[in-house]
Amino acid sequence: MSASSHFYCISHAPCPWPLPEFMTVIGTGDYRPANGIAMAERFPHLAHQNRHLGEYVALYAIRQMLLESNAEGFVGLCHYRRFALSKPIGELRGFNFHAHPDLLATVLPEHYYHDGATPIIPAMVHFQGNIMQQYGANAIVRDLLKFFGDAVDCGVITDAESTAFLSQNAFITAPTVSYIPIPWFVDIVHALEKVMSRFYRNHYIEREGYLERSMAFSCERLQALLLAKKVNAWGWDKVISQPLTLLIPPAQP
């Protein structure tokens, strides 16, 4: 089985630039990729939950496909313009590499999956305040606290782990974008689903605009903690941790 056998690109609309042939596009919402998987057709019960859950509906679908096929090895995930590469392209700005979309054609296949046996994850990003303060700059901290409380109640993390994580000033941003062992991915998605279900039943508040996906924002932080725990056990010296590459189209005149 090749290192690129299970590599998925999550997108809600047609990608405006060519993607590597080994990637399978997962279309969320009403998007039906010509040569990919349309969740509206194959997973209609999940397809439109992206309004609340963002990319996480695609993770549910990918997990199901991996389990049904008894997949082994690693799984790669990216967004249509965000990639975890062993050798990033572009210019480092903030905590991402910004690159013109044309540069994607210069990326070698092995830069997406290295040797097929080494995890590739986003770099840990440091902020001025702790994670609660960083979250509160753009969202409502109440949601994050309730979400992590549910994670403790579900047995996904301990109270001590929750306290330590929310008090620190660094985490792995966009943790979905990665190349990781399939068992890691399945374990993490199982855990996220348990917490999201409990939170939705007991504490979810419908919000508008940007905050409509507040549950997904909380989920990103929990996913970052769960991924870091996997890496702690694996060994940070045995993974590739780089700032993500973000494709930035040129400004229109």
Protein backbone atom coordinates (compact mmCIF):
# COMPACT_ATOMS: atom_id res chain seq x y z
CA MET A 1 0.00 0.00 0.00
CA SER A 2 1.46 3.35 -0.99
CA ALA A 3 1.97 6.22 1.43
CA SER A 4 -0.61 8.27 -0.48
CA SER A 5 -3.41 5.66 -0.41
CA HIS A 6 -5.47 7.54 2.16
CA PHE A 7 -5.11 11.26 1.55
CA TYR A 8 -8.13 13.56 1.66
CA CYS A 9 -8.71 17.21 0.84
CA ILE A 10 -11.74 18.79 2.53
CA SER A 11 -13.49 21.52 0.56
CA HIS A 12 -16.88 23.24 0.49
CA ALA A 13 -16.47 24.52 -3.09
CA PRO A 14 -14.48 23.76 -6.27
CA CYS A 15 -10.76 24.22 -5.75
CA PRO A 16 -9.43 27.02 -7.98
CA TRP A 17 -6.05 25.32 -8.47
CA PRO A 18 -4.94 21.78 -9.37
CA LEU A 19 -4.46 19.34 -6.51
CA PRO A 20 -2.15 16.30 -6.52
CA GLU A 21 -3.74 13.30 -8.22
CA PHE A 22 -3.36 11.10 -5.15
CA MET A 23 -5.73 13.29 -3.10
CA THR A 24 -9.43 12.45 -2.78
CA VAL A 25 -11.57 15.57 -2.48
CA ILE A 26 -14.33 15.41 0.14
CA GLY A 27 -17.08 17.89 -0.75
CA THR A 28 -19.10 19.19 2.22
CA GLY A 29 -22.51 20.85 2.01
CA ASP A 30 -23.86 20.84 -1.55
CA TYR A 31 -20.44 20.65 -3.21
CA ARG A 32 -20.14 17.63 -5.50
CA PRO A 33 -16.52 17.26 -6.67
CA ALA A 34 -16.27 15.72 -10.14
CA ASN A 35 -13.61 13.19 -9.16
CA GLY A 36 -14.13 13.03 -5.42
CA ILE A 37 -16.71 12.18 -2.79
CA ALA A 38 -19.85 14.29 -2.41
CA MET A 39 -21.06 14.06 1.17
CA ALA A 40 -24.51 15.20 -0.01
CA GLU A 41 -24.76 11.91 -1.90
CA ARG A 42 -22.74 9.42 0.12
CA PHE A 43 -23.29 10.86 3.61
CA PRO A 44 -26.49 12.94 3.32
CA HIS A 45 -27.11 12.75 7.08
CA LEU A 46 -23.82 14.60 7.64
CA ALA A 47 -23.40 16.82 4.60
CA HIS A 48 -25.11 19.97 5.83
CA GLN A 49 -24.03 19.78 9.44
CA ASN A 50 -20.95 21.73 8.33
CA ARG A 51 -23.00 24.84 9.11
CA HIS A 52 -22.41 24.06 12.79
CA LEU A 53 -19.49 21.64 12.77
CA GLY A 54 -17.29 22.93 9.95
CA GLU A 55 -14.73 20.40 8.72
CA TYR A 56 -15.57 17.90 11.46
CA VAL A 57 -18.47 16.43 9.47
CA ALA A 58 -15.90 15.37 6.87
CA LEU A 59 -13.80 13.72 9.57
CA TYR A 60 -16.78 11.57 10.56
CA ALA A 61 -17.14 10.47 6.93
CA ILE A 62 -13.43 9.76 6.50
CA ARG A 63 -13.36 7.72 9.70
CA GLN A 64 -16.27 5.62 8.45
CA MET A 65 -14.56 4.95 5.12
CA LEU A 66 -11.29 3.99 6.81
CA LEU A 67 -13.01 1.59 9.20
CA GLU A 68 -15.15 0.01 6.49
CA SER A 69 -12.07 -0.68 4.36
CA ASN A 70 -9.96 -1.94 7.30
CA ALA A 71 -7.40 0.68 6.31
CA GLU A 72 -3.91 0.52 7.76
CA GLY A 73 -0.97 2.88 7.83
CA PHE A 74 -1.35 6.65 7.81
CA VAL A 75 -4.04 9.09 6.73
CA GLY A 76 -3.39 12.53 5.27
CA LEU A 77 -5.76 15.47 5.55
CA CYS A 78 -5.69 18.97 4.16
CA HIS A 79 -8.02 21.84 3.35
CA TYR A 80 -8.21 23.07 -0.21
CA ARG A 81 -5.72 25.84 0.60
CA ARG A 82 -4.03 24.69 3.80
CA PHE A 83 -1.38 21.95 3.83
CA ALA A 84 0.99 20.26 6.28
CA LEU A 85 4.22 19.78 4.33
CA SER A 86 7.55 18.32 5.38
CA LYS A 87 9.14 21.20 3.43
CA PRO A 88 6.85 24.25 3.49
CA ILE A 89 6.68 26.65 0.55
CA GLY A 90 6.26 30.41 0.43
CA GLU A 91 7.13 33.02 3.04
CA LEU A 92 6.61 32.68 6.79
CA ARG A 93 4.11 35.27 7.97
CA GLY A 94 2.82 34.97 11.50
CA PHE A 95 2.35 31.26 12.18
CA ASN A 96 1.75 30.11 8.57
CA PHE A 97 3.77 30.05 5.38
CA HIS A 98 1.94 32.15 2.77
CA ALA A 99 2.37 30.92 -0.78
CA HIS A 100 1.05 31.79 -4.23
CA PRO A 101 -1.18 28.93 -5.49
CA ASP A 102 1.13 28.41 -8.48
CA LEU A 103 3.82 27.18 -6.07
CA LEU A 104 1.73 24.14 -5.20
CA ALA A 105 2.78 22.56 -8.48
CA THR A 106 6.41 22.59 -7.27
CA VAL A 107 5.66 20.46 -4.18
CA LEU A 108 6.90 16.89 -4.50
CA PRO A 109 4.55 14.06 -3.45
CA GLU A 110 6.89 13.00 -0.65
CA HIS A 111 6.60 16.46 0.90
CA TYR A 112 2.99 15.58 1.73
CA TYR A 113 3.77 12.24 3.33
CA HIS A 114 7.58 12.08 3.74
CA ASP A 115 8.54 8.40 4.17
CA GLY A 116 4.99 7.23 4.84
CA ALA A 117 5.81 6.35 8.44
CA THR A 118 6.50 9.71 10.10
CA PRO A 119 3.69 11.93 11.41
CA ILE A 120 3.55 15.44 9.92
CA ILE A 121 1.64 17.93 12.07
CA PRO A 122 1.24 21.71 12.36
CA ALA A 123 3.67 23.56 14.59
CA MET A 124 2.74 24.57 18.12
CA VAL A 125 1.72 28.25 18.03
CA HIS A 126 2.39 30.56 20.99
CA PHE A 127 0.05 33.42 21.89
CA GLN A 128 0.37 36.37 24.27
CA GLY A 129 -2.39 35.20 26.58
CA ASN A 130 -3.57 31.77 27.63
CA ILE A 131 -5.85 29.64 25.47
CA MET A 132 -9.00 30.94 27.15
CA GLN A 133 -7.96 34.54 26.46
CA GLN A 134 -7.02 33.71 22.88
CA TYR A 135 -10.39 32.02 22.34
CA GLY A 136 -12.26 34.88 23.96
CA ALA A 137 -10.79 37.41 21.56
CA ASN A 138 -13.13 36.16 18.82
CA ALA A 139 -15.66 33.88 20.50
CA ILE A 140 -17.48 33.27 23.79
CA VAL A 141 -15.38 31.58 26.47
CA ARG A 142 -18.47 30.06 28.10
CA ASP A 143 -18.73 27.67 25.14
CA LEU A 144 -15.12 26.55 25.46
CA LEU A 145 -15.43 25.93 29.20
CA LYS A 146 -18.65 23.95 28.82
CA PHE A 147 -17.10 21.95 25.98
CA PHE A 148 -14.03 21.01 28.01
CA GLY A 149 -16.24 20.22 30.99
CA ASP A 150 -18.12 17.77 28.79
CA ALA A 151 -14.81 16.29 27.64
CA VAL A 152 -13.95 15.62 31.29
CA ASP A 153 -17.39 14.16 31.99
CA CYS A 154 -17.07 11.88 28.94
CA GLY A 155 -13.73 10.59 30.21
CA VAL A 156 -11.90 11.89 27.14
CA ILE A 157 -9.52 13.99 29.24
CA THR A 158 -8.96 14.48 32.95
CA ASP A 159 -9.77 17.56 34.98
CA ALA A 160 -6.05 18.17 35.45
CA GLU A 161 -5.40 17.93 31.69
CA SER A 162 -8.20 20.38 31.01
CA THR A 163 -6.87 22.88 33.55
CA ALA A 164 -3.28 22.63 32.32
CA PHE A 165 -4.22 22.97 28.65
CA LEU A 166 -6.59 25.92 29.00
CA SER A 167 -4.04 27.74 31.17
CA GLN A 168 -1.16 27.44 28.72
CA ASN A 169 -0.41 29.92 25.94
CA ALA A 170 0.31 27.53 23.06
CA PHE A 171 -1.51 24.88 21.07
CA ILE A 172 -1.45 23.13 17.69
CA THR A 173 -3.64 25.27 15.46
CA ALA A 174 -5.66 23.65 12.63
CA PRO A 175 -4.79 20.17 13.97
CA THR A 176 -6.91 18.43 11.33
CA VAL A 177 -4.33 19.32 8.66
CA SER A 178 -1.84 16.52 9.16
CA TYR A 179 -0.43 13.16 8.14
CA ILE A 180 -0.87 10.79 11.06
CA PRO A 181 -1.34 7.09 11.90
CA ILE A 182 -4.87 5.91 11.17
CA PRO A 183 -5.37 4.64 14.76
CA TRP A 184 -4.59 8.16 16.04
CA PHE A 185 -7.14 9.63 13.68
CA VAL A 186 -9.86 7.14 14.57
CA ASP A 187 -9.28 7.51 18.33
CA ILE A 188 -9.34 11.31 18.14
CA VAL A 189 -12.48 11.48 16.00
CA HIS A 190 -14.28 8.99 18.27
CA ALA A 191 -13.43 11.19 21.27
CA LEU A 192 -14.47 14.40 19.54
CA GLU A 193 -17.78 12.89 18.48
CA LYS A 194 -18.59 11.85 22.05
CA VAL A 195 -17.91 15.34 23.38
CA MET A 196 -19.67 17.15 20.55
CA SER A 197 -22.78 15.01 20.98
CA ARG A 198 -22.91 15.67 24.71
CA PHE A 199 -22.26 19.38 24.27
CA TYR A 200 -24.95 19.68 21.59
CA ARG A 201 -27.51 17.94 23.82
CA ASN A 202 -26.77 19.87 26.98
CA HIS A 203 -25.01 23.17 26.37
CA TYR A 204 -25.19 24.25 22.73
CA ILE A 205 -26.54 27.75 22.07
CA GLU A 206 -27.51 28.77 18.54
CA ARG A 207 -25.43 31.76 17.50
CA GLU A 208 -25.26 33.87 14.37
CA GLY A 209 -22.65 34.70 11.77
CA TYR A 210 -19.08 33.71 12.53
CA LEU A 211 -20.12 32.23 15.88
CA GLU A 212 -22.54 29.79 14.27
CA ARG A 213 -19.63 27.33 14.19
CA SER A 214 -18.61 27.94 17.80
CA MET A 215 -18.76 24.21 18.53
CA ALA A 216 -16.15 23.61 15.83
CA PHE A 217 -13.90 26.27 17.38
CA SER A 218 -14.02 24.53 20.75
CA CYS A 219 -13.47 21.21 19.03
CA GLU A 220 -10.28 22.52 17.41
CA ARG A 221 -8.79 23.21 20.85
CA LEU A 222 -9.73 19.79 22.19
CA GLN A 223 -8.40 18.13 19.05
CA ALA A 224 -5.12 20.00 19.55
CA LEU A 225 -4.83 18.58 23.06
CA LEU A 226 -5.67 15.04 21.94
CA LEU A 227 -3.16 15.21 19.09
CA ALA A 228 -0.46 16.53 21.43
CA LYS A 229 -1.10 13.59 23.77
CA LYS A 230 -0.56 11.17 20.88
CA VAL A 231 2.68 12.91 19.96
CA ASN A 232 3.84 12.91 23.59
CA ALA A 233 3.58 9.12 23.58
CA TRP A 234 5.18 8.79 20.13
CA GLY A 235 8.00 11.26 20.79
CA TRP A 236 8.24 14.82 19.52
CA ASP A 237 11.67 14.06 18.10
CA LYS A 238 10.05 11.46 15.82
CA VAL A 239 7.50 13.75 14.15
CA ILE A 240 7.78 16.56 11.60
CA SER A 241 6.22 19.69 13.06
CA GLN A 242 6.14 22.68 10.71
CA PRO A 243 4.05 25.83 10.26
CA LEU A 244 1.27 25.10 7.79
CA THR A 245 1.40 26.30 4.20
CA LEU A 246 -1.53 28.58 3.34
CA LEU A 247 -2.23 29.37 -0.31
CA ILE A 248 -3.01 33.05 -0.82
CA PRO A 249 -4.43 34.01 -4.24
CA PRO A 250 -3.16 37.35 -5.58
CA ALA A 251 -5.36 40.36 -4.92
CA GLN A 252 -7.74 41.18 -7.75
CA PRO A 253 -7.07 44.54 -9.46
